[in-house]
Amino acid sequence: MLSLIQAEIVGKAIGDGILQLVVKVLIGMAVIGGIALFLWLVRKVDKRINK
């Protein structure tokens, strides 16, 4: 019985770790996407000003 509880705790810990990793990756992608979009907009505005 104890080993079953321990396995559940370990499984939950692994699950939480994977969830945190997924969240970090998604946040990282959102930040990179936001920076890329910002740079693209700056370049677009820059071209309009330079004309």
Protein backbone atom coordinates (compact mmCIF):
# COMPACT_ATOMS: atom_id res chain seq x y z
CA MET A 1 0.00 0.00 0.00
CA LEU A 2 2.79 2.39 0.93
CA SER A 3 4.60 1.77 -2.37
CA LEU A 4 1.39 2.60 -4.26
CA ILE A 5 1.14 5.96 -2.44
CA GLN A 6 4.83 6.66 -3.11
CA ALA A 7 4.35 5.83 -6.79
CA GLU A 8 1.39 8.24 -6.92
CA ILE A 9 3.46 11.01 -5.29
CA VAL A 10 6.35 10.42 -7.72
CA GLY A 11 3.91 10.34 -10.65
CA LYS A 12 2.35 13.63 -9.50
CA ALA A 13 5.79 15.21 -9.08
CA ILE A 14 6.78 14.13 -12.61
CA GLY A 15 3.42 15.38 -13.95
CA ASP A 16 3.89 18.76 -12.22
CA GLY A 17 7.44 18.99 -13.56
CA ILE A 18 6.24 18.35 -17.12
CA LEU A 19 3.42 20.89 -16.67
CA GLN A 20 5.87 23.54 -15.41
CA LEU A 21 8.17 22.81 -18.36
CA VAL A 22 5.29 23.18 -20.83
CA VAL A 23 4.24 26.46 -19.19
CA LYS A 24 7.83 27.78 -19.35
CA VAL A 25 8.12 26.81 -23.03
CA LEU A 26 4.79 28.48 -23.85
CA ILE A 27 5.79 31.66 -21.98
CA GLY A 28 9.16 31.64 -23.75
CA MET A 29 7.49 31.25 -27.16
CA ALA A 30 5.04 34.07 -26.34
CA VAL A 31 7.89 36.39 -25.30
CA ILE A 32 9.95 35.55 -28.41
CA GLY A 33 6.85 36.01 -30.60
CA GLY A 34 6.10 39.35 -28.96
CA ILE A 35 9.68 40.59 -29.47
CA ALA A 36 9.66 39.39 -33.10
CA LEU A 37 6.34 41.14 -33.75
CA PHE A 38 7.60 44.33 -32.08
CA LEU A 39 10.80 44.35 -34.18
CA TRP A 40 8.75 43.70 -37.35
CA LEU A 41 6.44 46.64 -36.54
CA VAL A 42 9.41 48.91 -35.76
CA ARG A 43 10.96 48.01 -39.13
CA LYS A 44 7.66 48.68 -40.92
CA VAL A 45 7.27 52.08 -39.25
CA ASP A 46 10.95 52.83 -39.91
CA LYS A 47 10.48 52.30 -43.67
CA ARG A 48 7.48 54.66 -43.70
CA ILE A 49 9.44 57.39 -41.87
CA ASN A 50 12.50 57.01 -44.13
CA LYS A 51 10.52 57.39 -47.38
